[in-house]
N, C-alpha and C. Protein backbone atom coordinates (compact mmCIF):
# COMPACT_ATOMS: atom_id res chain seq x y z
N UNK A 1 48.43 -86.53 -91.54
CA UNK A 1 48.54 -85.63 -90.41
C UNK A 1 49.29 -86.33 -89.27
N UNK A 2 50.12 -85.59 -88.59
CA UNK A 2 50.95 -86.16 -87.54
C UNK A 2 50.12 -86.46 -86.28
N UNK A 3 50.41 -87.57 -85.64
CA UNK A 3 49.75 -87.94 -84.38
C UNK A 3 50.68 -87.78 -83.19
N UNK A 4 51.97 -87.90 -83.44
CA UNK A 4 52.95 -87.85 -82.35
C UNK A 4 53.22 -86.39 -81.99
N UNK A 5 53.36 -86.15 -80.69
CA UNK A 5 53.52 -84.78 -80.19
C UNK A 5 54.75 -84.09 -80.77
N UNK A 6 55.86 -84.81 -80.84
CA UNK A 6 57.09 -84.20 -81.36
C UNK A 6 56.96 -83.87 -82.85
N UNK A 7 56.25 -84.70 -83.58
CA UNK A 7 56.04 -84.45 -85.01
C UNK A 7 55.16 -83.22 -85.22
N UNK A 8 54.15 -83.06 -84.36
CA UNK A 8 53.29 -81.87 -84.44
C UNK A 8 54.11 -80.62 -84.17
N UNK A 9 55.00 -80.71 -83.19
CA UNK A 9 55.85 -79.56 -82.86
C UNK A 9 56.78 -79.23 -84.04
N UNK A 10 57.35 -80.24 -84.67
CA UNK A 10 58.24 -80.01 -85.81
C UNK A 10 57.50 -79.30 -86.94
N UNK A 11 56.23 -79.66 -87.15
CA UNK A 11 55.43 -79.01 -88.19
C UNK A 11 55.29 -77.52 -87.88
N UNK A 12 54.99 -77.20 -86.63
CA UNK A 12 54.83 -75.80 -86.22
C UNK A 12 56.14 -75.03 -86.37
N UNK A 13 57.24 -75.63 -85.91
CA UNK A 13 58.54 -74.97 -85.98
C UNK A 13 58.95 -74.74 -87.43
N UNK A 14 58.68 -75.73 -88.29
CA UNK A 14 59.01 -75.61 -89.71
C UNK A 14 58.23 -74.47 -90.35
N UNK A 15 56.96 -74.34 -90.01
CA UNK A 15 56.15 -73.25 -90.56
C UNK A 15 56.70 -71.89 -90.15
N UNK A 16 57.10 -71.77 -88.89
CA UNK A 16 57.66 -70.50 -88.39
C UNK A 16 58.97 -70.17 -89.11
N UNK A 17 59.85 -71.17 -89.23
CA UNK A 17 61.14 -70.94 -89.89
C UNK A 17 60.97 -70.64 -91.37
N UNK A 18 60.00 -71.30 -92.01
CA UNK A 18 59.74 -71.06 -93.43
C UNK A 18 59.28 -69.63 -93.65
N UNK A 19 58.41 -69.14 -92.79
CA UNK A 19 57.92 -67.77 -92.91
C UNK A 19 59.06 -66.77 -92.72
N UNK A 20 59.94 -67.04 -91.75
CA UNK A 20 61.07 -66.17 -91.47
C UNK A 20 62.02 -66.14 -92.67
N UNK A 21 62.34 -67.31 -93.19
CA UNK A 21 63.25 -67.39 -94.34
C UNK A 21 62.66 -66.71 -95.57
N UNK A 22 61.37 -66.86 -95.77
CA UNK A 22 60.71 -66.25 -96.92
C UNK A 22 60.78 -64.73 -96.83
N UNK A 23 60.58 -64.22 -95.63
CA UNK A 23 60.65 -62.77 -95.40
C UNK A 23 62.05 -62.24 -95.69
N UNK A 24 63.06 -62.96 -95.23
CA UNK A 24 64.45 -62.54 -95.44
C UNK A 24 64.80 -62.60 -96.91
N UNK A 25 64.40 -63.68 -97.61
CA UNK A 25 64.67 -63.80 -99.04
C UNK A 25 64.03 -62.66 -99.82
N UNK A 26 62.81 -62.32 -99.44
CA UNK A 26 62.09 -61.24 -100.10
C UNK A 26 62.82 -59.92 -99.93
N UNK A 27 63.33 -59.69 -98.74
CA UNK A 27 64.08 -58.46 -98.45
C UNK A 27 65.34 -58.38 -99.32
N UNK A 28 66.03 -59.51 -99.46
CA UNK A 28 67.24 -59.56 -100.28
C UNK A 28 66.90 -59.26 -101.74
N UNK A 29 65.84 -59.90 -102.25
CA UNK A 29 65.45 -59.69 -103.65
C UNK A 29 65.09 -58.23 -103.90
N UNK A 30 64.40 -57.60 -102.95
CA UNK A 30 64.02 -56.20 -103.09
C UNK A 30 65.25 -55.31 -103.15
N UNK A 31 66.23 -55.58 -102.28
CA UNK A 31 67.44 -54.75 -102.28
C UNK A 31 68.23 -54.93 -103.57
N UNK A 32 68.23 -56.14 -104.13
CA UNK A 32 68.91 -56.39 -105.40
C UNK A 32 68.22 -55.62 -106.52
N UNK A 33 66.89 -55.63 -106.51
CA UNK A 33 66.13 -54.93 -107.55
C UNK A 33 66.38 -53.42 -107.48
N UNK A 34 66.56 -52.90 -106.27
CA UNK A 34 66.83 -51.46 -106.13
C UNK A 34 68.17 -51.10 -106.75
N UNK A 35 69.18 -51.96 -106.56
CA UNK A 35 70.50 -51.71 -107.17
C UNK A 35 70.37 -51.76 -108.69
N UNK A 36 69.71 -52.78 -109.19
CA UNK A 36 69.56 -52.93 -110.64
C UNK A 36 68.78 -51.77 -111.25
N UNK A 37 67.78 -51.27 -110.53
CA UNK A 37 66.99 -50.14 -111.02
C UNK A 37 67.84 -48.87 -111.07
N UNK A 38 68.69 -48.66 -110.06
CA UNK A 38 69.56 -47.49 -110.04
C UNK A 38 70.58 -47.56 -111.17
N UNK A 39 71.08 -48.76 -111.46
CA UNK A 39 72.03 -48.93 -112.57
C UNK A 39 71.33 -48.67 -113.90
N UNK A 40 70.11 -49.16 -114.03
CA UNK A 40 69.36 -48.95 -115.27
C UNK A 40 69.06 -47.46 -115.49
N UNK A 41 68.86 -46.73 -114.38
CA UNK A 41 68.59 -45.30 -114.47
C UNK A 41 69.86 -44.48 -114.64
N UNK A 42 71.01 -45.16 -114.60
CA UNK A 42 72.32 -44.51 -114.74
C UNK A 42 72.61 -43.51 -113.61
N UNK A 43 72.10 -43.80 -112.41
CA UNK A 43 72.31 -42.95 -111.24
C UNK A 43 73.39 -43.59 -110.37
N UNK A 44 74.63 -43.12 -110.53
CA UNK A 44 75.77 -43.76 -109.86
C UNK A 44 75.71 -43.66 -108.34
N UNK A 45 75.34 -42.48 -107.82
CA UNK A 45 75.28 -42.31 -106.36
C UNK A 45 74.21 -43.20 -105.74
N UNK A 46 73.04 -43.23 -106.35
CA UNK A 46 71.96 -44.07 -105.84
C UNK A 46 72.35 -45.55 -105.92
N UNK A 47 73.06 -45.91 -106.98
CA UNK A 47 73.49 -47.30 -107.14
C UNK A 47 74.47 -47.68 -106.04
N UNK A 48 75.39 -46.77 -105.71
CA UNK A 48 76.38 -47.08 -104.66
C UNK A 48 75.72 -47.23 -103.30
N UNK A 49 74.79 -46.32 -102.98
CA UNK A 49 74.12 -46.44 -101.68
C UNK A 49 73.24 -47.68 -101.62
N UNK A 50 72.55 -47.99 -102.73
CA UNK A 50 71.72 -49.19 -102.78
C UNK A 50 72.59 -50.44 -102.68
N UNK A 51 73.80 -50.37 -103.24
CA UNK A 51 74.71 -51.51 -103.19
C UNK A 51 75.14 -51.80 -101.75
N UNK A 52 75.47 -50.78 -100.99
CA UNK A 52 75.89 -51.01 -99.60
C UNK A 52 74.75 -51.62 -98.78
N UNK A 53 73.54 -51.15 -99.02
CA UNK A 53 72.38 -51.71 -98.32
C UNK A 53 72.16 -53.16 -98.73
N UNK A 54 72.29 -53.42 -100.03
CA UNK A 54 72.08 -54.78 -100.55
C UNK A 54 73.13 -55.75 -99.99
N UNK A 55 74.39 -55.31 -99.96
CA UNK A 55 75.45 -56.16 -99.43
C UNK A 55 75.17 -56.50 -97.97
N UNK A 56 74.73 -55.50 -97.22
CA UNK A 56 74.42 -55.71 -95.81
C UNK A 56 73.30 -56.74 -95.62
N UNK A 57 72.22 -56.61 -96.40
CA UNK A 57 71.11 -57.55 -96.26
C UNK A 57 71.49 -58.95 -96.72
N UNK A 58 72.28 -59.04 -97.78
CA UNK A 58 72.71 -60.35 -98.28
C UNK A 58 73.60 -61.05 -97.26
N UNK A 59 74.55 -60.30 -96.69
CA UNK A 59 75.46 -60.90 -95.70
C UNK A 59 74.71 -61.33 -94.44
N UNK A 60 73.73 -60.54 -94.02
CA UNK A 60 72.98 -60.92 -92.83
C UNK A 60 72.13 -62.17 -93.10
N UNK A 61 71.60 -62.28 -94.32
CA UNK A 61 70.83 -63.48 -94.69
C UNK A 61 71.73 -64.71 -94.69
N UNK A 62 72.97 -64.54 -95.14
CA UNK A 62 73.92 -65.66 -95.15
C UNK A 62 74.29 -66.05 -93.72
N UNK A 63 74.46 -65.06 -92.85
CA UNK A 63 74.84 -65.38 -91.47
C UNK A 63 73.71 -66.07 -90.72
N UNK A 64 72.46 -65.83 -91.15
CA UNK A 64 71.31 -66.49 -90.53
C UNK A 64 71.05 -67.86 -91.12
N UNK A 65 71.80 -68.22 -92.16
CA UNK A 65 71.66 -69.54 -92.75
C UNK A 65 70.59 -69.64 -93.82
N UNK A 66 70.06 -68.49 -94.26
CA UNK A 66 69.04 -68.51 -95.31
C UNK A 66 69.70 -68.81 -96.65
N UNK A 67 70.87 -68.21 -96.89
CA UNK A 67 71.65 -68.46 -98.10
C UNK A 67 72.98 -69.09 -97.71
N UNK A 68 73.50 -69.94 -98.58
CA UNK A 68 74.85 -70.48 -98.40
C UNK A 68 75.85 -69.36 -98.62
N UNK A 69 76.99 -69.43 -97.96
CA UNK A 69 77.96 -68.33 -98.05
C UNK A 69 78.47 -68.11 -99.47
N UNK A 70 78.60 -69.18 -100.26
CA UNK A 70 79.04 -69.01 -101.65
C UNK A 70 77.96 -68.34 -102.49
N UNK A 71 76.71 -68.66 -102.20
CA UNK A 71 75.60 -68.05 -102.92
C UNK A 71 75.56 -66.55 -102.63
N UNK A 72 75.73 -66.19 -101.37
CA UNK A 72 75.71 -64.77 -101.01
C UNK A 72 76.91 -64.04 -101.60
N UNK A 73 78.07 -64.70 -101.61
CA UNK A 73 79.27 -64.09 -102.20
C UNK A 73 79.07 -63.86 -103.69
N UNK A 74 78.42 -64.80 -104.36
CA UNK A 74 78.15 -64.67 -105.79
C UNK A 74 77.21 -63.50 -106.06
N UNK A 75 76.18 -63.37 -105.24
CA UNK A 75 75.23 -62.26 -105.40
C UNK A 75 75.93 -60.92 -105.21
N UNK A 76 76.75 -60.81 -104.17
CA UNK A 76 77.48 -59.57 -103.89
C UNK A 76 78.42 -59.25 -105.04
N UNK A 77 79.12 -60.26 -105.53
CA UNK A 77 80.08 -60.06 -106.61
C UNK A 77 79.38 -59.56 -107.87
N UNK A 78 78.25 -60.16 -108.23
CA UNK A 78 77.53 -59.75 -109.43
C UNK A 78 77.06 -58.30 -109.33
N UNK A 79 76.52 -57.94 -108.16
CA UNK A 79 76.04 -56.57 -107.98
C UNK A 79 77.19 -55.57 -108.01
N UNK A 80 78.30 -55.92 -107.38
CA UNK A 80 79.46 -55.03 -107.36
C UNK A 80 80.00 -54.81 -108.77
N UNK A 81 80.09 -55.90 -109.55
CA UNK A 81 80.53 -55.76 -110.94
C UNK A 81 79.59 -54.87 -111.73
N UNK A 82 78.31 -55.01 -111.49
CA UNK A 82 77.31 -54.21 -112.20
C UNK A 82 77.49 -52.72 -111.92
N UNK A 83 77.70 -52.38 -110.64
CA UNK A 83 77.85 -50.99 -110.24
C UNK A 83 79.20 -50.43 -110.74
N UNK A 84 80.26 -51.24 -110.65
CA UNK A 84 81.57 -50.79 -111.08
C UNK A 84 81.65 -50.60 -112.59
N UNK A 85 80.82 -51.32 -113.33
CA UNK A 85 80.83 -51.21 -114.80
C UNK A 85 80.25 -49.88 -115.27
N UNK A 86 79.57 -49.17 -114.37
CA UNK A 86 78.98 -47.88 -114.72
C UNK A 86 80.05 -46.80 -114.95
N UNK A 87 81.20 -46.97 -114.33
CA UNK A 87 82.24 -45.92 -114.36
C UNK A 87 82.86 -45.68 -115.70
């Protein structure tokens, strides 16, 4: 356990940031699952709308530093290919 004041503060700040990042990651995973579910159901319109929402959440997570920009680009690319393959 930390005794120094600055170390105690770092522990608190880390807990707060961890909770925030976990929430954002969960939101991204949920939006990805919605796209995949729409593709599995063969619903093209639902897949396209879910894709735009997913891209938005992924990009915002990348801008907040939760995901690396290449990781977010890879996720967007995979989802886009999945939706485009339905045509």
